[in-house]
Structures are given as C-alpha cells and as structure tokens.
C-alpha cells in the first residue's frame, strides 16, 4: 500500500482473501484504515474472495469507508468504470459449494457467458483501458513445481480468459503469497491482453 501511494497509483485493486476466516474486529479496523489511506490517493476496488464470510457481507464495512476517492466492493460479476478505465470483475462465486457436483457444469456455462458479456461491454467503450480482475482457480493450473493445484475451489476454463478483450487480466489464483495483491500504476499500455 505504501509503495502504491509513493508511486502515485491511479487505482488500487484488492483481489479478495483479506482474512483467513471471519474477520476479527482488529483485522477489520486495520483494513478500514488501510483502505481509507488508499482512497486518499486513488479509487479502491475490492473484489470479494472465498475466505471467511467475504461474499456474505464481511467486507461491507470496507465499502462504507470514506476517502477522497471512491471505494467499490464487488461481490457479483460486474463492469465498473473509473475515468476512462473499464474494469470487469468476477469475484469468487457464492455457489462454490457446487464444486464437484452436477451443478458445476452450469457454473462453467455461466462463466463463459459472463466473459462474452464483458467483451460486449468492452466493445461499447472505445478508448477505455480494459481491465479484468477475478478470484477463482483456472482448470488445469499447476504450481511452480509442476504439481496440479489441489483443493476444492471454483475453477473455470482458461480459453474464455484468452478470448477476453482486456488489456490486463489479474487473477487471485489461490496460491497465497504476499505478492499476490495488485497495484496498478500509470504504466498501463494499450494493446492486446497478455495471458500466459
């Protein structure tokens, strides 16, 4: 956060998993103070993750904090505009309990349709930077040692992300490292998305 403020970041993105379980009052107060400091510099976008009760209102207090710039909480897929920047979000799905069940196929179809809808929304905003932030696993993902990413998390196919007409795609991939938080600076370059 402090590096982002020193670098005059234009947009802060917190891509979920702020806490391990239900946030304690101490954790919530710490995050509220940090989000307010960020919002004094630039807009703040918070995408809910799967830890604790993030998708069930645990982050609500953060979105009510006030700063010089807006604070947005995304708990459902949506497109948010920030001064010539269109940001598509895909938070951790609330129906993640469906993982490994017959209903999971419906989630896959809904994901593909949502990516197509984001492309339609991007197309209606020529001249905008187009960004995407999501909190989910990618089917077939592997950790650096080559082992499959194991666990019970919502996974979606890579191909719809490859087709997404975003200039930047940021995913919280459930490989939890301190460096997994995203800061976006002014060096956004127009061009095709880079997704490896």
N, C-alpha and C. Protein backbone atom coordinates (compact mmCIF):
# COMPACT_ATOMS: atom_id res chain seq x y z
N UNK A 1 0.82 -1.19 0.00
CA UNK A 1 0.00 0.00 0.00
C UNK A 1 0.87 1.26 0.00
N UNK A 2 1.88 1.30 0.86
CA UNK A 2 2.71 2.49 0.95
C UNK A 2 3.48 2.73 -0.35
N UNK A 3 3.96 1.65 -0.98
CA UNK A 3 4.63 1.79 -2.27
C UNK A 3 3.67 2.38 -3.30
N UNK A 4 2.43 1.92 -3.30
CA UNK A 4 1.44 2.42 -4.24
C UNK A 4 1.16 3.90 -4.04
N UNK A 5 1.13 4.34 -2.81
CA UNK A 5 0.90 5.76 -2.53
C UNK A 5 2.10 6.57 -2.99
N UNK A 6 3.32 6.10 -2.70
CA UNK A 6 4.53 6.81 -3.13
C UNK A 6 4.63 6.87 -4.66
N UNK A 7 4.16 5.84 -5.35
CA UNK A 7 4.23 5.78 -6.81
C UNK A 7 3.06 6.50 -7.48
N UNK A 8 2.20 7.09 -6.68
CA UNK A 8 1.03 7.81 -7.19
C UNK A 8 0.14 6.89 -8.04
N UNK A 9 -0.18 5.74 -7.47
CA UNK A 9 -1.04 4.76 -8.12
C UNK A 9 -2.38 5.38 -8.49
N UNK A 10 -2.89 5.01 -9.66
CA UNK A 10 -4.17 5.54 -10.15
C UNK A 10 -5.37 4.72 -9.70
N UNK A 11 -5.15 3.45 -9.35
CA UNK A 11 -6.23 2.57 -8.93
C UNK A 11 -5.64 1.47 -8.07
N UNK A 12 -6.22 1.26 -6.90
CA UNK A 12 -5.83 0.14 -6.05
C UNK A 12 -6.84 -0.98 -6.24
N UNK A 13 -6.35 -2.21 -6.39
CA UNK A 13 -7.23 -3.37 -6.51
C UNK A 13 -6.82 -4.37 -5.44
N UNK A 14 -7.78 -4.76 -4.61
CA UNK A 14 -7.58 -5.81 -3.61
C UNK A 14 -8.42 -6.98 -4.09
N UNK A 15 -7.76 -8.04 -4.53
CA UNK A 15 -8.45 -9.14 -5.21
C UNK A 15 -8.79 -10.28 -4.26
N UNK A 16 -9.46 -9.96 -3.17
CA UNK A 16 -10.02 -10.96 -2.27
C UNK A 16 -9.06 -11.54 -1.26
N UNK A 17 -9.62 -12.39 -0.40
CA UNK A 17 -8.90 -13.11 0.65
C UNK A 17 -8.14 -12.19 1.59
N UNK A 18 -8.83 -11.22 2.14
CA UNK A 18 -8.20 -10.31 3.09
C UNK A 18 -7.96 -10.97 4.43
N UNK A 19 -8.78 -11.95 4.76
CA UNK A 19 -8.64 -12.63 6.05
C UNK A 19 -8.64 -14.13 5.81
N UNK A 20 -8.22 -14.88 6.81
CA UNK A 20 -8.22 -16.33 6.70
C UNK A 20 -9.61 -16.89 7.03
N UNK A 21 -10.23 -16.35 8.01
CA UNK A 21 -11.57 -16.77 8.41
C UNK A 21 -12.42 -15.52 8.55
N UNK A 22 -13.48 -15.59 9.32
CA UNK A 22 -14.29 -14.39 9.56
C UNK A 22 -13.40 -13.33 10.20
N UNK A 23 -13.45 -12.13 9.63
CA UNK A 23 -12.58 -11.06 10.09
C UNK A 23 -12.84 -10.72 11.55
N UNK A 24 -11.76 -10.55 12.30
CA UNK A 24 -11.89 -10.07 13.68
C UNK A 24 -12.08 -8.56 13.64
N UNK A 25 -12.49 -7.97 14.74
CA UNK A 25 -12.65 -6.51 14.81
C UNK A 25 -11.30 -5.84 14.55
N UNK A 26 -10.23 -6.39 15.11
CA UNK A 26 -8.90 -5.83 14.91
C UNK A 26 -8.51 -5.85 13.43
N UNK A 27 -8.73 -6.98 12.75
CA UNK A 27 -8.42 -7.08 11.31
C UNK A 27 -9.27 -6.10 10.51
N UNK A 28 -10.54 -6.05 10.82
CA UNK A 28 -11.44 -5.16 10.08
C UNK A 28 -11.01 -3.71 10.25
N UNK A 29 -10.67 -3.30 11.46
CA UNK A 29 -10.23 -1.93 11.70
C UNK A 29 -8.93 -1.62 10.96
N UNK A 30 -8.00 -2.57 10.95
CA UNK A 30 -6.75 -2.40 10.22
C UNK A 30 -7.03 -2.19 8.73
N UNK A 31 -7.88 -3.04 8.16
CA UNK A 31 -8.19 -2.92 6.73
C UNK A 31 -8.95 -1.63 6.43
N UNK A 32 -9.85 -1.22 7.30
CA UNK A 32 -10.58 0.03 7.08
C UNK A 32 -9.59 1.20 7.02
N UNK A 33 -8.66 1.25 7.98
CA UNK A 33 -7.64 2.31 7.97
C UNK A 33 -6.81 2.27 6.69
N UNK A 34 -6.40 1.09 6.25
CA UNK A 34 -5.60 0.98 5.04
C UNK A 34 -6.39 1.39 3.80
N UNK A 35 -7.63 0.97 3.71
CA UNK A 35 -8.46 1.32 2.55
C UNK A 35 -8.69 2.83 2.50
N UNK A 36 -8.90 3.45 3.65
CA UNK A 36 -9.08 4.91 3.68
C UNK A 36 -7.80 5.60 3.18
N UNK A 37 -6.63 5.12 3.63
CA UNK A 37 -5.37 5.71 3.14
C UNK A 37 -5.23 5.55 1.63
N UNK A 38 -5.59 4.39 1.13
CA UNK A 38 -5.54 4.17 -0.32
C UNK A 38 -6.49 5.12 -1.04
N UNK A 39 -7.71 5.26 -0.51
CA UNK A 39 -8.74 6.09 -1.15
C UNK A 39 -8.39 7.57 -1.11
N UNK A 40 -7.47 7.97 -0.27
CA UNK A 40 -6.99 9.35 -0.29
C UNK A 40 -6.13 9.59 -1.52
N UNK A 41 -5.53 8.53 -2.07
CA UNK A 41 -4.66 8.61 -3.24
C UNK A 41 -5.41 8.35 -4.55
N UNK A 42 -6.27 7.30 -4.56
CA UNK A 42 -6.90 6.84 -5.81
C UNK A 42 -8.13 6.01 -5.46
N UNK A 43 -8.98 5.73 -6.46
CA UNK A 43 -10.11 4.81 -6.21
C UNK A 43 -9.59 3.45 -5.76
N UNK A 44 -10.43 2.76 -4.98
CA UNK A 44 -10.09 1.44 -4.46
C UNK A 44 -11.18 0.47 -4.90
N UNK A 45 -10.77 -0.64 -5.49
CA UNK A 45 -11.69 -1.70 -5.89
C UNK A 45 -11.37 -2.93 -5.06
N UNK A 46 -12.37 -3.46 -4.36
CA UNK A 46 -12.23 -4.66 -3.54
C UNK A 46 -13.09 -5.74 -4.19
N UNK A 47 -12.45 -6.84 -4.58
CA UNK A 47 -13.16 -7.98 -5.19
C UNK A 47 -13.23 -9.06 -4.12
N UNK A 48 -14.43 -9.52 -3.80
CA UNK A 48 -14.55 -10.49 -2.71
C UNK A 48 -13.98 -11.85 -3.10
N UNK A 49 -13.36 -12.48 -2.10
CA UNK A 49 -12.77 -13.80 -2.30
C UNK A 49 -13.56 -14.86 -1.57
N UNK A 50 -12.93 -15.98 -1.32
CA UNK A 50 -13.62 -17.10 -0.70
C UNK A 50 -13.28 -17.29 0.77
N UNK A 51 -12.38 -16.51 1.32
CA UNK A 51 -12.02 -16.70 2.72
C UNK A 51 -13.09 -16.13 3.64
N UNK A 52 -13.31 -16.83 4.71
CA UNK A 52 -14.26 -16.35 5.72
C UNK A 52 -15.62 -16.09 5.12
N UNK A 53 -16.17 -14.95 5.43
CA UNK A 53 -17.52 -14.59 5.00
C UNK A 53 -17.47 -13.42 4.01
N UNK A 54 -16.41 -13.34 3.19
CA UNK A 54 -16.26 -12.20 2.29
C UNK A 54 -17.46 -12.02 1.37
N UNK A 55 -18.00 -13.11 0.85
CA UNK A 55 -19.14 -12.97 -0.06
C UNK A 55 -20.47 -12.85 0.69
N UNK A 56 -20.43 -12.97 2.00
CA UNK A 56 -21.65 -12.87 2.80
C UNK A 56 -21.69 -11.61 3.66
N UNK A 57 -21.00 -10.56 3.23
CA UNK A 57 -21.11 -9.29 3.92
C UNK A 57 -19.95 -8.92 4.83
N UNK A 58 -18.94 -9.76 4.96
CA UNK A 58 -17.84 -9.47 5.86
C UNK A 58 -17.03 -8.25 5.42
N UNK A 59 -17.08 -7.91 4.14
CA UNK A 59 -16.33 -6.76 3.63
C UNK A 59 -17.17 -5.49 3.55
N UNK A 60 -18.42 -5.58 3.94
CA UNK A 60 -19.35 -4.46 3.80
C UNK A 60 -18.83 -3.17 4.45
N UNK A 61 -18.23 -3.29 5.62
CA UNK A 61 -17.73 -2.09 6.33
C UNK A 61 -16.64 -1.39 5.53
N UNK A 62 -15.82 -2.16 4.79
CA UNK A 62 -14.77 -1.55 3.98
C UNK A 62 -15.36 -0.66 2.89
N UNK A 63 -16.43 -1.11 2.28
CA UNK A 63 -17.06 -0.34 1.20
C UNK A 63 -17.73 0.93 1.72
N UNK A 64 -18.03 0.99 2.99
CA UNK A 64 -18.67 2.17 3.58
C UNK A 64 -17.65 3.20 4.06
N UNK A 65 -16.38 2.84 4.05
CA UNK A 65 -15.33 3.79 4.45
C UNK A 65 -15.31 4.95 3.45
N UNK A 66 -14.83 6.10 3.87
CA UNK A 66 -14.81 7.29 3.02
C UNK A 66 -13.38 7.80 2.86
N UNK A 67 -13.07 8.21 1.65
CA UNK A 67 -11.79 8.84 1.34
C UNK A 67 -12.03 9.86 0.25
N UNK A 68 -10.98 10.47 -0.23
CA UNK A 68 -11.09 11.46 -1.30
C UNK A 68 -11.66 10.82 -2.57
N UNK A 69 -11.31 9.54 -2.80
CA UNK A 69 -11.78 8.81 -3.97
C UNK A 69 -12.74 7.71 -3.54
N UNK A 70 -13.45 7.16 -4.50
CA UNK A 70 -14.46 6.13 -4.23
C UNK A 70 -13.84 4.80 -3.82
N UNK A 71 -14.62 4.04 -3.05
CA UNK A 71 -14.28 2.68 -2.65
C UNK A 71 -15.41 1.79 -3.16
N UNK A 72 -15.08 0.81 -3.99
CA UNK A 72 -16.08 -0.08 -4.58
C UNK A 72 -15.86 -1.49 -4.05
N UNK A 73 -16.95 -2.16 -3.73
CA UNK A 73 -16.91 -3.57 -3.32
C UNK A 73 -17.66 -4.37 -4.38
N UNK A 74 -16.98 -5.33 -4.98
CA UNK A 74 -17.59 -6.19 -5.99
C UNK A 74 -17.81 -7.57 -5.40
N UNK A 75 -19.08 -7.95 -5.25
CA UNK A 75 -19.42 -9.28 -4.74
C UNK A 75 -20.10 -10.13 -5.80
N UNK A 76 -20.39 -9.55 -6.95
CA UNK A 76 -21.00 -10.25 -8.09
C UNK A 76 -20.26 -9.80 -9.34
N UNK A 77 -20.26 -10.59 -10.42
CA UNK A 77 -19.62 -10.13 -11.65
C UNK A 77 -20.25 -8.82 -12.13
N UNK A 78 -19.40 -7.86 -12.48
CA UNK A 78 -19.90 -6.57 -12.94
C UNK A 78 -18.79 -5.82 -13.67
N UNK A 79 -19.19 -4.75 -14.38
CA UNK A 79 -18.24 -3.86 -15.03
C UNK A 79 -18.35 -2.51 -14.34
N UNK A 80 -17.21 -1.99 -13.90
CA UNK A 80 -17.16 -0.73 -13.16
C UNK A 80 -16.30 0.23 -13.96
N UNK A 81 -16.73 1.48 -14.09
CA UNK A 81 -15.97 2.48 -14.82
C UNK A 81 -15.28 3.44 -13.87
N UNK A 82 -14.01 3.69 -14.16
CA UNK A 82 -13.20 4.68 -13.47
C UNK A 82 -12.58 5.56 -14.55
N UNK A 83 -12.98 6.79 -14.71
CA UNK A 83 -12.36 7.75 -15.62
C UNK A 83 -11.59 7.12 -16.79
N UNK A 84 -12.29 6.64 -17.78
CA UNK A 84 -11.73 6.03 -18.99
C UNK A 84 -11.03 4.69 -18.75
N UNK A 85 -11.40 4.03 -17.69
CA UNK A 85 -10.93 2.68 -17.42
C UNK A 85 -12.18 1.83 -17.12
N UNK A 86 -12.34 0.75 -17.88
CA UNK A 86 -13.45 -0.18 -17.65
C UNK A 86 -12.87 -1.42 -16.98
N UNK A 87 -13.36 -1.73 -15.80
CA UNK A 87 -12.85 -2.86 -15.02
C UNK A 87 -13.95 -3.90 -14.87
N UNK A 88 -13.71 -5.06 -15.45
CA UNK A 88 -14.63 -6.19 -15.29
C UNK A 88 -14.16 -7.01 -14.09
N UNK A 89 -15.10 -7.42 -13.25
CA UNK A 89 -14.74 -8.21 -12.07
C UNK A 89 -15.53 -9.52 -12.05
N UNK A 90 -14.88 -10.55 -11.53
CA UNK A 90 -15.54 -11.83 -11.34
C UNK A 90 -15.09 -12.36 -9.97
N UNK A 91 -15.83 -11.94 -8.90
CA UNK A 91 -15.48 -12.39 -7.55
C UNK A 91 -15.68 -13.90 -7.40
N UNK A 92 -15.20 -14.42 -6.29
CA UNK A 92 -15.39 -15.85 -6.01
C UNK A 92 -16.89 -16.13 -6.00
N UNK A 93 -17.32 -17.17 -6.71
CA UNK A 93 -18.76 -17.44 -6.80
C UNK A 93 -19.37 -17.87 -5.47
N UNK A 94 -20.52 -17.36 -5.19
CA UNK A 94 -21.22 -17.73 -3.95
C UNK A 94 -21.63 -19.19 -3.96
N UNK A 95 -21.80 -19.76 -5.13
CA UNK A 95 -22.25 -21.14 -5.23
C UNK A 95 -21.07 -22.10 -5.31
N UNK A 96 -19.96 -21.74 -4.67
CA UNK A 96 -18.75 -22.56 -4.73
C UNK A 96 -18.97 -23.92 -4.08
N UNK A 97 -20.01 -24.07 -3.28
CA UNK A 97 -20.31 -25.38 -2.70
C UNK A 97 -20.68 -26.39 -3.78
N UNK A 98 -20.94 -25.91 -4.99
CA UNK A 98 -21.31 -26.79 -6.10
C UNK A 98 -20.10 -27.48 -6.72
N UNK A 99 -18.89 -27.08 -6.35
CA UNK A 99 -17.69 -27.66 -6.96
C UNK A 99 -17.75 -29.17 -6.82
N UNK A 100 -17.53 -29.86 -7.96
CA UNK A 100 -17.54 -31.32 -7.96
C UNK A 100 -18.92 -31.93 -8.03
N UNK A 101 -19.96 -31.14 -8.21
CA UNK A 101 -21.33 -31.65 -8.30
C UNK A 101 -21.85 -31.43 -9.73
N UNK A 102 -22.98 -32.03 -10.08
CA UNK A 102 -23.54 -31.81 -11.43
C UNK A 102 -23.86 -30.33 -11.72
N UNK A 103 -24.14 -29.54 -10.71
CA UNK A 103 -24.42 -28.12 -10.92
C UNK A 103 -23.20 -27.34 -11.38
N UNK A 104 -22.00 -27.90 -11.17
CA UNK A 104 -20.76 -27.21 -11.55
C UNK A 104 -20.74 -26.90 -13.04
N UNK A 105 -21.33 -27.76 -13.87
CA UNK A 105 -21.36 -27.51 -15.32
C UNK A 105 -22.12 -26.23 -15.63
N UNK A 106 -23.20 -25.97 -14.90
CA UNK A 106 -23.95 -24.72 -15.07
C UNK A 106 -23.10 -23.51 -14.72
N UNK A 107 -22.25 -23.65 -13.72
CA UNK A 107 -21.35 -22.55 -13.35
C UNK A 107 -20.35 -22.29 -14.47
N UNK A 108 -19.86 -23.35 -15.12
CA UNK A 108 -18.92 -23.19 -16.24
C UNK A 108 -19.59 -22.42 -17.38
N UNK A 109 -20.81 -22.80 -17.72
CA UNK A 109 -21.54 -22.12 -18.80
C UNK A 109 -21.79 -20.66 -18.45
N UNK A 110 -22.15 -20.39 -17.21
CA UNK A 110 -22.40 -19.01 -16.78
C UNK A 110 -21.11 -18.19 -16.86
N UNK A 111 -19.98 -18.80 -16.54
CA UNK A 111 -18.69 -18.11 -16.63
C UNK A 111 -18.39 -17.72 -18.08
N UNK A 112 -18.55 -18.67 -18.99
CA UNK A 112 -18.28 -18.41 -20.40
C UNK A 112 -19.17 -17.28 -20.90
N UNK A 113 -20.45 -17.32 -20.56
CA UNK A 113 -21.39 -16.27 -20.98
C UNK A 113 -21.00 -14.92 -20.38
N UNK A 114 -20.56 -14.92 -19.12
CA UNK A 114 -20.17 -13.65 -18.49
C UNK A 114 -18.94 -13.06 -19.18
N UNK A 115 -17.97 -13.89 -19.57
CA UNK A 115 -16.80 -13.38 -20.27
C UNK A 115 -17.21 -12.77 -21.62
N UNK A 116 -18.16 -13.42 -22.31
CA UNK A 116 -18.65 -12.88 -23.58
C UNK A 116 -19.37 -11.56 -23.36
N UNK A 117 -20.13 -11.46 -22.27
CA UNK A 117 -20.81 -10.20 -21.95
C UNK A 117 -19.80 -9.10 -21.64
N UNK A 118 -18.74 -9.44 -20.92
CA UNK A 118 -17.70 -8.44 -20.67
C UNK A 118 -17.11 -7.94 -21.99
N UNK A 119 -16.89 -8.84 -22.95
CA UNK A 119 -16.37 -8.41 -24.25
C UNK A 119 -17.34 -7.45 -24.94
N UNK A 120 -18.64 -7.72 -24.85
CA UNK A 120 -19.63 -6.81 -25.44
C UNK A 120 -19.58 -5.45 -24.74
N UNK A 121 -19.45 -5.46 -23.42
CA UNK A 121 -19.37 -4.20 -22.67
C UNK A 121 -18.08 -3.44 -22.99
N UNK A 122 -16.97 -4.15 -23.12
CA UNK A 122 -15.71 -3.51 -23.51
C UNK A 122 -15.85 -2.86 -24.88
N UNK A 123 -16.50 -3.55 -25.83
CA UNK A 123 -16.65 -3.04 -27.20
C UNK A 123 -17.45 -1.73 -27.22
N UNK A 124 -18.34 -1.56 -26.26
CA UNK A 124 -19.15 -0.33 -26.20
C UNK A 124 -18.39 0.83 -25.55
N UNK A 125 -17.14 0.62 -25.19
CA UNK A 125 -16.33 1.65 -24.54
C UNK A 125 -15.01 1.86 -25.27
N UNK A 126 -15.07 2.30 -26.53
CA UNK A 126 -13.82 2.53 -27.25
C UNK A 126 -13.02 3.65 -26.58
N UNK A 127 -11.73 3.49 -26.59
CA UNK A 127 -10.87 4.50 -25.96
C UNK A 127 -10.64 4.27 -24.48
N UNK A 128 -11.33 3.31 -23.88
CA UNK A 128 -11.14 2.99 -22.46
C UNK A 128 -10.03 1.94 -22.32
N UNK A 129 -9.27 2.00 -21.23
CA UNK A 129 -8.44 0.88 -20.86
C UNK A 129 -9.38 -0.20 -20.36
N UNK A 130 -9.09 -1.45 -20.70
CA UNK A 130 -9.97 -2.57 -20.36
C UNK A 130 -9.21 -3.54 -19.44
N UNK A 131 -9.69 -3.67 -18.22
CA UNK A 131 -9.03 -4.49 -17.21
C UNK A 131 -9.99 -5.55 -16.70
N UNK A 132 -9.43 -6.66 -16.21
CA UNK A 132 -10.23 -7.72 -15.62
C UNK A 132 -9.54 -8.21 -14.36
N UNK A 133 -10.32 -8.35 -13.29
CA UNK A 133 -9.83 -8.94 -12.04
C UNK A 133 -10.80 -10.01 -11.60
N UNK A 134 -10.28 -11.20 -11.31
CA UNK A 134 -11.13 -12.30 -10.87
C UNK A 134 -10.51 -13.03 -9.70
N UNK A 135 -11.37 -13.72 -8.98
CA UNK A 135 -10.92 -14.50 -7.83
C UNK A 135 -11.47 -15.92 -7.99
N UNK A 136 -10.68 -16.78 -8.60
CA UNK A 136 -11.09 -18.17 -8.84
C UNK A 136 -9.87 -18.93 -9.35
N UNK A 137 -10.00 -20.24 -9.43
CA UNK A 137 -8.93 -21.06 -9.98
C UNK A 137 -9.14 -21.27 -11.47
N UNK A 138 -8.06 -21.57 -12.17
CA UNK A 138 -8.12 -21.90 -13.60
C UNK A 138 -7.96 -23.40 -13.72
N UNK A 139 -8.88 -24.05 -14.43
CA UNK A 139 -8.84 -25.50 -14.59
C UNK A 139 -7.50 -25.93 -15.16
N UNK A 140 -6.90 -26.93 -14.54
CA UNK A 140 -5.62 -27.46 -15.00
C UNK A 140 -4.41 -26.71 -14.50
N UNK A 141 -4.60 -25.72 -13.62
CA UNK A 141 -3.47 -24.94 -13.12
C UNK A 141 -2.51 -25.83 -12.35
N UNK A 142 -1.24 -25.47 -12.42
CA UNK A 142 -0.20 -26.20 -11.70
C UNK A 142 0.64 -25.21 -10.92
N UNK A 143 1.18 -25.67 -9.80
CA UNK A 143 2.08 -24.84 -9.01
C UNK A 143 3.46 -24.88 -9.66
N UNK A 144 4.39 -24.06 -9.18
CA UNK A 144 5.70 -23.94 -9.82
C UNK A 144 6.47 -25.26 -9.89
N UNK A 145 6.19 -26.18 -8.99
CA UNK A 145 6.87 -27.48 -9.02
C UNK A 145 6.28 -28.41 -10.08
N UNK A 146 5.20 -27.97 -10.74
CA UNK A 146 4.57 -28.79 -11.77
C UNK A 146 3.41 -29.62 -11.28
N UNK A 147 3.19 -29.63 -9.97
CA UNK A 147 2.08 -30.41 -9.42
C UNK A 147 0.76 -29.69 -9.66
N UNK A 148 -0.33 -30.45 -9.85
CA UNK A 148 -1.63 -29.81 -10.02
C UNK A 148 -2.00 -29.02 -8.76
N UNK A 149 -2.67 -27.92 -8.98
CA UNK A 149 -3.17 -27.13 -7.86
C UNK A 149 -4.35 -27.89 -7.27
N UNK A 150 -4.17 -28.41 -6.07
CA UNK A 150 -5.19 -29.24 -5.44
C UNK A 150 -6.02 -28.42 -4.48
N UNK A 151 -7.24 -28.81 -4.34
CA UNK A 151 -8.12 -28.13 -3.41
C UNK A 151 -9.52 -28.07 -3.96
N UNK A 152 -10.40 -27.59 -3.13
CA UNK A 152 -11.80 -27.51 -3.52
C UNK A 152 -12.15 -26.04 -3.71
N UNK A 153 -11.82 -25.53 -4.90
CA UNK A 153 -12.16 -24.15 -5.20
C UNK A 153 -12.84 -24.10 -6.55
N UNK A 154 -13.54 -23.03 -6.80
CA UNK A 154 -14.19 -22.86 -8.09
C UNK A 154 -13.12 -22.72 -9.16
N UNK A 155 -13.23 -23.52 -10.21
CA UNK A 155 -12.29 -23.47 -11.32
C UNK A 155 -13.05 -23.23 -12.60
N UNK A 156 -12.44 -22.42 -13.46
CA UNK A 156 -13.04 -22.12 -14.75
C UNK A 156 -12.02 -22.36 -15.84
N UNK A 157 -12.47 -22.60 -17.08
CA UNK A 157 -11.54 -22.88 -18.17
C UNK A 157 -10.73 -21.65 -18.56
N UNK A 158 -9.53 -21.88 -19.08
CA UNK A 158 -8.64 -20.81 -19.49
C UNK A 158 -9.07 -20.14 -20.79
N UNK A 159 -9.63 -20.89 -21.72
CA UNK A 159 -9.91 -20.35 -23.05
C UNK A 159 -10.79 -19.10 -23.05
N UNK A 160 -11.87 -19.02 -22.26
CA UNK A 160 -12.65 -17.77 -22.26
C UNK A 160 -11.83 -16.57 -21.78
N UNK A 161 -10.86 -16.79 -20.89
CA UNK A 161 -9.99 -15.71 -20.45
C UNK A 161 -9.05 -15.28 -21.58
N UNK A 162 -8.59 -16.23 -22.36
CA UNK A 162 -7.73 -15.90 -23.50
C UNK A 162 -8.48 -15.03 -24.52
N UNK A 163 -9.79 -15.28 -24.66
CA UNK A 163 -10.60 -14.52 -25.62
C UNK A 163 -11.06 -13.17 -25.07
N UNK A 164 -10.88 -12.95 -23.78
CA UNK A 164 -11.33 -11.71 -23.16
C UNK A 164 -10.53 -10.54 -23.73
N UNK A 165 -11.21 -9.49 -24.14
CA UNK A 165 -10.56 -8.34 -24.78
C UNK A 165 -10.10 -7.32 -23.75
N UNK A 166 -9.49 -7.82 -22.70
CA UNK A 166 -8.92 -6.96 -21.67
C UNK A 166 -7.45 -6.75 -21.98
N UNK A 167 -6.95 -5.57 -21.63
CA UNK A 167 -5.53 -5.29 -21.81
C UNK A 167 -4.71 -5.82 -20.63
N UNK A 168 -5.40 -6.11 -19.54
CA UNK A 168 -4.74 -6.68 -18.37
C UNK A 168 -5.71 -7.62 -17.69
N UNK A 169 -5.24 -8.81 -17.34
CA UNK A 169 -6.03 -9.80 -16.61
C UNK A 169 -5.30 -10.11 -15.32
N UNK A 170 -5.95 -9.85 -14.18
CA UNK A 170 -5.37 -10.15 -12.88
C UNK A 170 -6.22 -11.18 -12.16
N UNK A 171 -5.60 -12.28 -11.77
CA UNK A 171 -6.32 -13.34 -11.08
C UNK A 171 -5.70 -13.60 -9.72
N UNK A 172 -6.54 -13.77 -8.73
CA UNK A 172 -6.09 -14.29 -7.44
C UNK A 172 -6.22 -15.78 -7.60
N UNK A 173 -5.11 -16.48 -7.66
CA UNK A 173 -5.12 -17.87 -8.12
C UNK A 173 -5.11 -18.91 -7.01
N UNK A 174 -5.31 -18.51 -5.80
CA UNK A 174 -5.30 -19.43 -4.66
C UNK A 174 -3.93 -20.01 -4.39
N UNK A 175 -2.90 -19.37 -4.89
CA UNK A 175 -1.53 -19.64 -4.46
C UNK A 175 -1.18 -18.42 -3.65
N UNK A 176 -1.32 -18.52 -2.35
CA UNK A 176 -1.31 -17.35 -1.50
C UNK A 176 0.11 -16.94 -1.11
N UNK A 177 0.58 -15.90 -1.76
CA UNK A 177 1.86 -15.30 -1.46
C UNK A 177 1.63 -13.84 -1.15
N UNK A 178 2.49 -13.24 -0.37
CA UNK A 178 2.32 -11.83 -0.03
C UNK A 178 2.28 -10.95 -1.28
N UNK A 179 2.92 -11.35 -2.34
CA UNK A 179 2.98 -10.53 -3.55
C UNK A 179 1.72 -10.65 -4.39
N UNK A 180 0.70 -11.34 -3.94
CA UNK A 180 -0.46 -11.58 -4.78
C UNK A 180 -1.45 -10.42 -4.80
N UNK A 181 -1.24 -9.37 -4.05
CA UNK A 181 -2.09 -8.19 -4.12
C UNK A 181 -1.68 -7.36 -5.33
N UNK A 182 -2.61 -6.71 -5.98
CA UNK A 182 -2.32 -5.98 -7.22
C UNK A 182 -2.31 -4.48 -6.96
N UNK A 183 -1.30 -3.81 -7.47
CA UNK A 183 -1.25 -2.35 -7.53
C UNK A 183 -1.14 -1.98 -8.99
N UNK A 184 -1.94 -1.07 -9.45
CA UNK A 184 -1.83 -0.65 -10.83
C UNK A 184 -1.33 0.77 -10.88
N UNK A 185 -0.29 0.98 -11.65
CA UNK A 185 0.29 2.31 -11.78
C UNK A 185 -0.05 2.89 -13.15
N UNK A 186 0.47 4.05 -13.43
CA UNK A 186 0.16 4.75 -14.68
C UNK A 186 0.75 4.07 -15.91
N UNK A 187 1.57 3.06 -15.77
CA UNK A 187 2.22 2.45 -16.92
C UNK A 187 1.35 1.45 -17.66
N UNK A 188 0.04 1.59 -17.64
CA UNK A 188 -0.83 0.71 -18.42
C UNK A 188 -0.63 1.05 -19.88
N UNK A 189 -0.30 0.07 -20.68
CA UNK A 189 -0.06 0.30 -22.10
C UNK A 189 -1.21 -0.31 -22.91
N UNK A 190 -1.76 0.47 -23.86
CA UNK A 190 -2.78 -0.11 -24.73
C UNK A 190 -2.18 -1.26 -25.54
N UNK A 191 -3.00 -2.21 -25.87
CA UNK A 191 -2.53 -3.31 -26.68
C UNK A 191 -3.27 -4.58 -26.35
N UNK A 192 -2.87 -5.68 -26.97
CA UNK A 192 -3.58 -6.94 -26.75
C UNK A 192 -3.31 -7.46 -25.35
N UNK A 193 -4.24 -8.24 -24.83
CA UNK A 193 -4.02 -8.81 -23.50
C UNK A 193 -2.86 -9.80 -23.52
N UNK A 194 -2.16 -9.84 -22.43
CA UNK A 194 -1.08 -10.81 -22.28
C UNK A 194 -1.48 -11.79 -21.20
N UNK A 195 -1.79 -13.01 -21.59
CA UNK A 195 -2.20 -14.02 -20.63
C UNK A 195 -1.46 -15.29 -20.98
N UNK A 196 -0.58 -15.71 -20.13
CA UNK A 196 0.21 -16.92 -20.39
C UNK A 196 -0.30 -18.07 -19.57
